Amino acid sequence: MRNSLAVTAPPAPDPPGGPSGAAGPRRHRDDRRVAWLFLLPVLVGFAVFYLYPTVRGVWYSLTDYSLLNTPSYVGGDNYAKLVSDAQFWKSLRITAYYVVVNIGSQTLLALGVAALMHRLTRSVVLRATLLLPWLVPNVTVGLLWMWLLDANLGFVNHLLTAAGLDSQGFLTSPDLAMPSIALINTWAYTGYTALLLYAGMLQIPPHLYESASLDGAGELRMFRMITLPLLRPILALVLVVSLIGSFQIFDTVAVTDKIVPVGATRVIYYYIYQQAFTYFHMGYASAVAMALVLILGLLTAVQMWLLRASRSDLT
């Protein structure tokens, strides 16, 4: 009788999900606590330096307050006074005029400089040179140009008289003071704006320019049909930042205020400063500041909508 060996296979292991074969839930590490921990310093800084001052500003705007007395609630009296304040509306008009001149000249010059760098040269030395005026403090810029534009000893007027032209009171004439300040800040910020636009132009694929060149398009046509449409999101960012910064002009006006005609360059920020720290109308100054916040928010929203900043033609 022949004996046979019965070979038995080892039992198959259970599937990962258990004997039934159902896959169990995979555990993911929750990093939300770590993320909030990293965000905590930023949130604390935002609350201390932005949120708390904003809330206090809103409260002060509803009070009659100076540095010499405690705030007393007056409701909307400061806002009612603001609506009928001729000096407020005049300062707002002067600021709007400055914004148009400054942003218009700055953006056009920056676009031209950025396009020349993009199409002709990408020199690091040139980019560093363009950034130098932006690095100079605004007070220094104001003092420098106040001396350069001096009606008697200024270098600019020296050049004008050497060319046979009349000397101009750039900062002493009611008609020239505000355009002069706008152009001073254009000189200071054009290089920085040009670098932002130049960085946006570097994102445009080179083959688009090559194809357009093969089709016979010139530089101006390529700039109009390729560069400007594809640069729209960056251009929207630049315009919004320039708009907010232009409404906040203060340093140059404060430096040159002693030589310009009274009220000719009183922009909205300087008007707030005068109300708060010259006349000690802290409550009214806070109301003007809140009005400025609302104006900037509205203008920014309209600007972003018109420029379709969230959409890009680059696909």
Foldseek 3Di string as FASTA:
>chain_A
DDDDDDDDDDDDDDACCGNVNDHDDDDDDDCPVVVVVVCVVVVVCCCVPPVVVLVVLVVLLQFFDFPVDDTDGNGCPLVVVLVVDPLLVLQAVLLVVLLCLQCVLLVVLLLVVLLCCQPPHVDPVVLVVLQVLLPDDPLVLLVVVCQLLDQPRHVVQVVQVVVVHHGDNQCADLVRNSSVLSVSVSSSCSSVLSVLLNVQQVPFDPVVVVVVVVVPDDSVRCCVPPSVQQSLLSVLVSSLVSSVVSLQDDNSCVNSVVRYPPSSNNHLNNVLVCCCPVVRRSNSSSSSVVVVVVVSVVVSVVSCVVSVNVDGPGD
